Amino acid sequence: MKNSRLVNFPEQLKELREEYGVTQTALAQGIGVSKGLISLWENGLREPTLSNLVALADYFDVSLDFLTGRIQD
């Protein structure tokens, strides 16, 4: 079984946020979490819950696979 950690997620989240021109504060308000939590995710210090991943994917209108940087063999 492969490591299931979200290795690419921090970079992907930050790139998406910057591409959309959204601040950490605005994103946090948009999905109902704290700005500090967004920062922790972007710095790879915490991993989001499934419900947070879904909220982020909905916010940016992307798939969970895209958001998490998942690559299928």
PDB file of N, CA and C in Angstrom:
ATOM      1  N   MET A   1       0.847  -1.184   0.000  1.00  0.00           N
ATOM      2  CA  MET A   1       0.000   0.000   0.000  1.00  0.00           C
ATOM      3  C   MET A   1       0.889   1.243   0.000  1.00  0.00           C
ATOM      4  N   LYS A   2       0.531   2.190  -0.826  1.00  0.00           N
ATOM      5  CA  LYS A   2       1.317   3.417  -0.917  1.00  0.00           C
ATOM      6  C   LYS A   2       1.001   4.344   0.241  1.00  0.00           C
ATOM      7  N   ASN A   3       1.944   5.227   0.544  1.00  0.00           N
ATOM      8  CA  ASN A   3       1.744   6.234   1.583  1.00  0.00           C
ATOM      9  C   ASN A   3       0.586   7.132   1.167  1.00  0.00           C
ATOM     10  N   SER A   4      -0.388   7.295   2.037  1.00  0.00           N
ATOM     11  CA  SER A   4      -1.594   8.055   1.688  1.00  0.00           C
ATOM     12  C   SER A   4      -1.519   9.519   2.110  1.00  0.00           C
ATOM     13  N   ARG A   5      -0.378   9.961   2.602  1.00  0.00           N
ATOM     14  CA  ARG A   5      -0.260  11.360   3.023  1.00  0.00           C
ATOM     15  C   ARG A   5      -0.441  12.275   1.823  1.00  0.00           C
ATOM     16  N   LEU A   6      -0.924  13.463   2.101  1.00  0.00           N
ATOM     17  CA  LEU A   6      -1.213  14.431   1.049  1.00  0.00           C
ATOM     18  C   LEU A   6       0.041  15.248   0.736  1.00  0.00           C
ATOM     19  N   VAL A   7       0.995  14.612   0.089  1.00  0.00           N
ATOM     20  CA  VAL A   7       2.300  15.217  -0.138  1.00  0.00           C
ATOM     21  C   VAL A   7       2.207  16.488  -0.974  1.00  0.00           C
ATOM     22  N   ASN A   8       1.412  16.483  -2.023  1.00  0.00           N
ATOM     23  CA  ASN A   8       1.333  17.633  -2.924  1.00  0.00           C
ATOM     24  C   ASN A   8       0.277  18.647  -2.523  1.00  0.00           C
ATOM     25  N   PHE A   9      -0.521  18.316  -1.545  1.00  0.00           N
ATOM     26  CA  PHE A   9      -1.636  19.187  -1.181  1.00  0.00           C
ATOM     27  C   PHE A   9      -1.218  20.602  -0.784  1.00  0.00           C
ATOM     28  N   PRO A  10      -0.224  20.795   0.088  1.00  0.00           N
ATOM     29  CA  PRO A  10       0.112  22.175   0.484  1.00  0.00           C
ATOM     30  C   PRO A  10       0.442  23.077  -0.703  1.00  0.00           C
ATOM     31  N   GLU A  11       1.252  22.565  -1.621  1.00  0.00           N
ATOM     32  CA  GLU A  11       1.621  23.355  -2.792  1.00  0.00           C
ATOM     33  C   GLU A  11       0.419  23.611  -3.688  1.00  0.00           C
ATOM     34  N   GLN A  12      -0.391  22.583  -3.878  1.00  0.00           N
ATOM     35  CA  GLN A  12      -1.564  22.710  -4.748  1.00  0.00           C
ATOM     36  C   GLN A  12      -2.546  23.732  -4.187  1.00  0.00           C
ATOM     37  N   LEU A  13      -2.773  23.696  -2.895  1.00  0.00           N
ATOM     38  CA  LEU A  13      -3.699  24.639  -2.273  1.00  0.00           C
ATOM     39  C   LEU A  13      -3.202  26.070  -2.435  1.00  0.00           C
ATOM     40  N   LYS A  14      -1.937  26.287  -2.146  1.00  0.00           N
ATOM     41  CA  LYS A  14      -1.393  27.644  -2.249  1.00  0.00           C
ATOM     42  C   LYS A  14      -1.441  28.148  -3.690  1.00  0.00           C
ATOM     43  N   GLU A  15      -1.083  27.283  -4.641  1.00  0.00           N
ATOM     44  CA  GLU A  15      -1.128  27.678  -6.051  1.00  0.00           C
ATOM     45  C   GLU A  15      -2.550  28.030  -6.479  1.00  0.00           C
ATOM     46  N   LEU A  16      -3.512  27.211  -6.097  1.00  0.00           N
ATOM     47  CA  LEU A  16      -4.914  27.495  -6.436  1.00  0.00           C
ATOM     48  C   LEU A  16      -5.365  28.814  -5.834  1.00  0.00           C
ATOM     49  N   ARG A  17      -5.066  29.000  -4.568  1.00  0.00           N
ATOM     50  CA  ARG A  17      -5.492  30.220  -3.880  1.00  0.00           C
ATOM     51  C   ARG A  17      -4.908  31.451  -4.555  1.00  0.00           C
ATOM     52  N   GLU A  18      -3.624  31.392  -4.876  1.00  0.00           N
ATOM     53  CA  GLU A  18      -2.977  32.534  -5.521  1.00  0.00           C
ATOM     54  C   GLU A  18      -3.494  32.741  -6.942  1.00  0.00           C
ATOM     55  N   GLU A  19      -3.729  31.643  -7.663  1.00  0.00           N
ATOM     56  CA  GLU A  19      -4.262  31.731  -9.026  1.00  0.00           C
ATOM     57  C   GLU A  19      -5.630  32.407  -9.041  1.00  0.00           C
ATOM     58  N   TYR A  20      -6.431  32.118  -8.044  1.00  0.00           N
ATOM     59  CA  TYR A  20      -7.769  32.706  -7.942  1.00  0.00           C
ATOM     60  C   TYR A  20      -7.738  34.089  -7.296  1.00  0.00           C
ATOM     61  N   GLY A  21      -6.570  34.514  -6.815  1.00  0.00           N
ATOM     62  CA  GLY A  21      -6.446  35.825  -6.190  1.00  0.00           C
ATOM     63  C   GLY A  21      -7.190  35.938  -4.876  1.00  0.00           C
ATOM     64  N   VAL A  22      -7.191  34.846  -4.118  1.00  0.00           N
ATOM     65  CA  VAL A  22      -7.929  34.775  -2.858  1.00  0.00           C
ATOM     66  C   VAL A  22      -6.938  34.815  -1.695  1.00  0.00           C
ATOM     67  N   THR A  23      -7.215  35.618  -0.697  1.00  0.00           N
ATOM     68  CA  THR A  23      -6.369  35.649   0.495  1.00  0.00           C
ATOM     69  C   THR A  23      -6.689  34.449   1.383  1.00  0.00           C
ATOM     70  N   GLN A  24      -5.789  34.158   2.301  1.00  0.00           N
ATOM     71  CA  GLN A  24      -6.061  33.093   3.268  1.00  0.00           C
ATOM     72  C   GLN A  24      -7.308  33.427   4.079  1.00  0.00           C
ATOM     73  N   THR A  25      -7.471  34.695   4.424  1.00  0.00           N
ATOM     74  CA  THR A  25      -8.634  35.121   5.207  1.00  0.00           C
ATOM     75  C   THR A  25      -9.927  34.899   4.436  1.00  0.00           C
ATOM     76  N   ALA A  26      -9.943  35.293   3.170  1.00  0.00           N
ATOM     77  CA  ALA A  26     -11.152  35.128   2.355  1.00  0.00           C
ATOM     78  C   ALA A  26     -11.480  33.654   2.154  1.00  0.00           C
ATOM     79  N   LEU A  27     -10.466  32.839   1.913  1.00  0.00           N
ATOM     80  CA  LEU A  27     -10.689  31.406   1.746  1.00  0.00           C
ATOM     81  C   LEU A  27     -11.235  30.804   3.033  1.00  0.00           C
ATOM     82  N   ALA A  28     -10.634  31.171   4.148  1.00  0.00           N
ATOM     83  CA  ALA A  28     -11.089  30.659   5.443  1.00  0.00           C
ATOM     84  C   ALA A  28     -12.554  31.004   5.676  1.00  0.00           C
ATOM     85  N   GLN A  29     -12.927  32.244   5.406  1.00  0.00           N
ATOM     86  CA  GLN A  29     -14.324  32.659   5.567  1.00  0.00           C
ATOM     87  C   GLN A  29     -15.226  31.901   4.602  1.00  0.00           C
ATOM     88  N   GLY A  30     -14.736  31.663   3.396  1.00  0.00           N
ATOM     89  CA  GLY A  30     -15.530  30.981   2.378  1.00  0.00           C
ATOM     90  C   GLY A  30     -15.849  29.536   2.695  1.00  0.00           C
ATOM     91  N   ILE A  31     -14.968  28.880   3.446  1.00  0.00           N
ATOM     92  CA  ILE A  31     -15.224  27.470   3.764  1.00  0.00           C
ATOM     93  C   ILE A  31     -15.487  27.231   5.249  1.00  0.00           C
ATOM     94  N   GLY A  32     -15.477  28.294   6.035  1.00  0.00           N
ATOM     95  CA  GLY A  32     -15.852  28.172   7.444  1.00  0.00           C
ATOM     96  C   GLY A  32     -14.789  27.627   8.375  1.00  0.00           C
ATOM     97  N   VAL A  33     -13.525  27.991   8.106  1.00  0.00           N
ATOM     98  CA  VAL A  33     -12.439  27.604   9.013  1.00  0.00           C
ATOM     99  C   VAL A  33     -11.642  28.861   9.367  1.00  0.00           C
ATOM    100  N   SER A  34     -10.629  28.709  10.209  1.00  0.00           N
ATOM    101  CA  SER A  34      -9.808  29.863  10.586  1.00  0.00           C
ATOM    102  C   SER A  34      -8.698  30.098   9.560  1.00  0.00           C
ATOM    103  N   LYS A  35      -8.236  31.339   9.513  1.00  0.00           N
ATOM    104  CA  LYS A  35      -7.105  31.691   8.648  1.00  0.00           C
ATOM    105  C   LYS A  35      -5.874  30.891   9.062  1.00  0.00           C
ATOM    106  N   GLY A  36      -5.718  30.697  10.359  1.00  0.00           N
ATOM    107  CA  GLY A  36      -4.585  29.931  10.865  1.00  0.00           C
ATOM    108  C   GLY A  36      -4.565  28.507  10.346  1.00  0.00           C
ATOM    109  N   LEU A  37      -5.737  27.912  10.197  1.00  0.00           N
ATOM    110  CA  LEU A  37      -5.813  26.549   9.687  1.00  0.00           C
ATOM    111  C   LEU A  37      -5.395  26.505   8.220  1.00  0.00           C
ATOM    112  N   ILE A  38      -5.800  27.501   7.447  1.00  0.00           N
ATOM    113  CA  ILE A  38      -5.370  27.572   6.042  1.00  0.00           C
ATOM    114  C   ILE A  38      -3.841  27.634   5.989  1.00  0.00           C
ATOM    115  N   SER A  39      -3.249  28.451   6.832  1.00  0.00           N
ATOM    116  CA  SER A  39      -1.791  28.580   6.885  1.00  0.00           C
ATOM    117  C   SER A  39      -1.134  27.251   7.254  1.00  0.00           C
ATOM    118  N   LEU A  40      -1.691  26.557   8.227  1.00  0.00           N
ATOM    119  CA  LEU A  40      -1.145  25.253   8.621  1.00  0.00           C
ATOM    120  C   LEU A  40      -1.197  24.268   7.460  1.00  0.00           C
ATOM    121  N   TRP A  41      -2.296  24.262   6.715  1.00  0.00           N
ATOM    122  CA  TRP A  41      -2.411  23.381   5.546  1.00  0.00           C
ATOM    123  C   TRP A  41      -1.365  23.735   4.504  1.00  0.00           C
ATOM    124  N   GLU A  42      -1.238  25.027   4.193  1.00  0.00           N
ATOM    125  CA  GLU A  42      -0.307  25.457   3.149  1.00  0.00           C
ATOM    126  C   GLU A  42       1.147  25.200   3.528  1.00  0.00           C
ATOM    127  N   ASN A  43       1.436  25.151   4.795  1.00  0.00           N
ATOM    128  CA  ASN A  43       2.797  24.880   5.255  1.00  0.00           C
ATOM    129  C   ASN A  43       3.034  23.402   5.551  1.00  0.00           C
ATOM    130  N   GLY A  44       2.038  22.574   5.295  1.00  0.00           N
ATOM    131  CA  GLY A  44       2.181  21.141   5.482  1.00  0.00           C
ATOM    132  C   GLY A  44       2.246  20.700   6.927  1.00  0.00           C
ATOM    133  N   LEU A  45       1.767  21.543   7.837  1.00  0.00           N
ATOM    134  CA  LEU A  45       1.822  21.212   9.260  1.00  0.00           C
ATOM    135  C   LEU A  45       0.583  20.483   9.752  1.00  0.00           C
ATOM    136  N   ARG A  46      -0.497  20.571   8.994  1.00  0.00           N
ATOM    137  CA  ARG A  46      -1.742  19.853   9.309  1.00  0.00           C
ATOM    138  C   ARG A  46      -2.345  19.363   8.006  1.00  0.00           C
ATOM    139  N   GLU A  47      -3.086  18.276   8.083  1.00  0.00           N
ATOM    140  CA  GLU A  47      -3.826  17.778   6.927  1.00  0.00           C
ATOM    141  C   GLU A  47      -5.305  18.051   7.147  1.00  0.00           C
ATOM    142  N   PRO A  48      -6.012  18.432   6.093  1.00  0.00           N
ATOM    143  CA  PRO A  48      -7.438  18.723   6.228  1.00  0.00           C
ATOM    144  C   PRO A  48      -8.258  17.455   6.407  1.00  0.00           C
ATOM    145  N   THR A  49      -9.415  17.614   7.020  1.00  0.00           N
ATOM    146  CA  THR A  49     -10.362  16.508   7.116  1.00  0.00           C
ATOM    147  C   THR A  49     -11.000  16.305   5.745  1.00  0.00           C
ATOM    148  N   LEU A  50     -11.674  15.196   5.574  1.00  0.00           N
ATOM    149  CA  LEU A  50     -12.367  14.941   4.313  1.00  0.00           C
ATOM    150  C   LEU A  50     -13.395  16.028   4.036  1.00  0.00           C
ATOM    151  N   SER A  51     -14.129  16.442   5.060  1.00  0.00           N
ATOM    152  CA  SER A  51     -15.139  17.484   4.842  1.00  0.00           C
ATOM    153  C   SER A  51     -14.488  18.801   4.439  1.00  0.00           C
ATOM    154  N   ASN A  52     -13.306  19.100   4.971  1.00  0.00           N
ATOM    155  CA  ASN A  52     -12.586  20.307   4.558  1.00  0.00           C
ATOM    156  C   ASN A  52     -12.080  20.185   3.128  1.00  0.00           C
ATOM    157  N   LEU A  53     -11.607  19.002   2.746  1.00  0.00           N
ATOM    158  CA  LEU A  53     -11.171  18.788   1.366  1.00  0.00           C
ATOM    159  C   LEU A  53     -12.324  18.997   0.394  1.00  0.00           C
ATOM    160  N   VAL A  54     -13.488  18.470   0.739  1.00  0.00           N
ATOM    161  CA  VAL A  54     -14.668  18.641  -0.117  1.00  0.00           C
ATOM    162  C   VAL A  54     -15.032  20.119  -0.216  1.00  0.00           C
ATOM    163  N   ALA A  55     -14.995  20.826   0.900  1.00  0.00           N
ATOM    164  CA  ALA A  55     -15.309  22.261   0.889  1.00  0.00           C
ATOM    165  C   ALA A  55     -14.324  23.028   0.011  1.00  0.00           C
ATOM    166  N   LEU A  56     -13.053  22.694   0.091  1.00  0.00           N
ATOM    167  CA  LEU A  56     -12.044  23.347  -0.742  1.00  0.00           C
ATOM    168  C   LEU A  56     -12.258  23.036  -2.220  1.00  0.00           C
ATOM    169  N   ALA A  57     -12.518  21.774  -2.529  1.00  0.00           N
ATOM    170  CA  ALA A  57     -12.759  21.389  -3.923  1.00  0.00           C
ATOM    171  C   ALA A  57     -13.979  22.117  -4.476  1.00  0.00           C
ATOM    172  N   ASP A  58     -15.024  22.221  -3.681  1.00  0.00           N
ATOM    173  CA  ASP A  58     -16.224  22.956  -4.110  1.00  0.00           C
ATOM    174  C   ASP A  58     -15.919  24.438  -4.288  1.00  0.00           C
ATOM    175  N   TYR A  59     -15.169  25.010  -3.375  1.00  0.00           N
ATOM    176  CA  TYR A  59     -14.836  26.440  -3.428  1.00  0.00           C
ATOM    177  C   TYR A  59     -14.094  26.775  -4.719  1.00  0.00           C
ATOM    178  N   PHE A  60     -13.117  25.924  -5.075  1.00  0.00           N
ATOM    179  CA  PHE A  60     -12.312  26.181  -6.270  1.00  0.00           C
ATOM    180  C   PHE A  60     -12.866  25.492  -7.518  1.00  0.00           C
ATOM    181  N   ASP A  61     -13.948  24.733  -7.360  1.00  0.00           N
ATOM    182  CA  ASP A  61     -14.571  24.005  -8.468  1.00  0.00           C
ATOM    183  C   ASP A  61     -13.565  23.086  -9.167  1.00  0.00           C
ATOM    184  N   VAL A  62     -12.889  22.281  -8.352  1.00  0.00           N
ATOM    185  CA  VAL A  62     -11.938  21.296  -8.860  1.00  0.00           C
ATOM    186  C   VAL A  62     -12.264  19.942  -8.229  1.00  0.00           C
ATOM    187  N   SER A  63     -11.706  18.882  -8.798  1.00  0.00           N
ATOM    188  CA  SER A  63     -11.920  17.549  -8.234  1.00  0.00           C
ATOM    189  C   SER A  63     -11.020  17.342  -7.018  1.00  0.00           C
ATOM    190  N   LEU A  64     -11.392  16.377  -6.199  1.00  0.00           N
ATOM    191  CA  LEU A  64     -10.540  16.025  -5.057  1.00  0.00           C
ATOM    192  C   LEU A  64      -9.192  15.499  -5.540  1.00  0.00           C
ATOM    193  N   ASP A  65      -9.198  14.735  -6.628  1.00  0.00           N
ATOM    194  CA  ASP A  65      -7.935  14.236  -7.175  1.00  0.00           C
ATOM    195  C   ASP A  65      -7.017  15.385  -7.569  1.00  0.00           C
ATOM    196  N   PHE A  66      -7.572  16.403  -8.220  1.00  0.00           N
ATOM    197  CA  PHE A  66      -6.766  17.557  -8.612  1.00  0.00           C
ATOM    198  C   PHE A  66      -6.256  18.295  -7.383  1.00  0.00           C
ATOM    199  N   LEU A  67      -7.132  18.522  -6.438  1.00  0.00           N
ATOM    200  CA  LEU A  67      -6.774  19.269  -5.235  1.00  0.00           C
ATOM    201  C   LEU A  67      -5.657  18.589  -4.451  1.00  0.00           C
ATOM    202  N   THR A  68      -5.710  17.284  -4.364  1.00  0.00           N
ATOM    203  CA  THR A  68      -4.724  16.551  -3.568  1.00  0.00           C
ATOM    204  C   THR A  68      -3.478  16.171  -4.357  1.00  0.00           C
ATOM    205  N   GLY A  69      -3.472  16.448  -5.661  1.00  0.00           N
ATOM    206  CA  GLY A  69      -2.315  16.109  -6.479  1.00  0.00           C
ATOM    207  C   GLY A  69      -2.163  14.617  -6.680  1.00  0.00           C
ATOM    208  N   ARG A  70      -3.261  13.901  -6.574  1.00  0.00           N
ATOM    209  CA  ARG A  70      -3.232  12.444  -6.708  1.00  0.00           C
ATOM    210  C   ARG A  70      -2.923  12.062  -8.146  1.00  0.00           C
ATOM    211  N   ILE A  71      -2.003  11.132  -8.280  1.00  0.00           N
ATOM    212  CA  ILE A  71      -1.632  10.639  -9.607  1.00  0.00           C
ATOM    213  C   ILE A  71      -1.933   9.152  -9.641  1.00  0.00           C
ATOM    214  N   GLN A  72      -2.705   8.744 -10.619  1.00  0.00           N
ATOM    215  CA  GLN A  72      -3.042   7.333 -10.747  1.00  0.00           C
ATOM    216  C   GLN A  72      -2.012   6.636 -11.609  1.00  0.00           C
ATOM    217  N   ASP A  73      -1.662   5.412 -11.223  1.00  0.00           N
ATOM    218  CA  ASP A  73      -0.686   4.615 -12.002  1.00  0.00           C
ATOM    219  C   ASP A  73      -1.295   4.124 -13.280  1.00  0.00           C
TER     220      ASP A  73
END
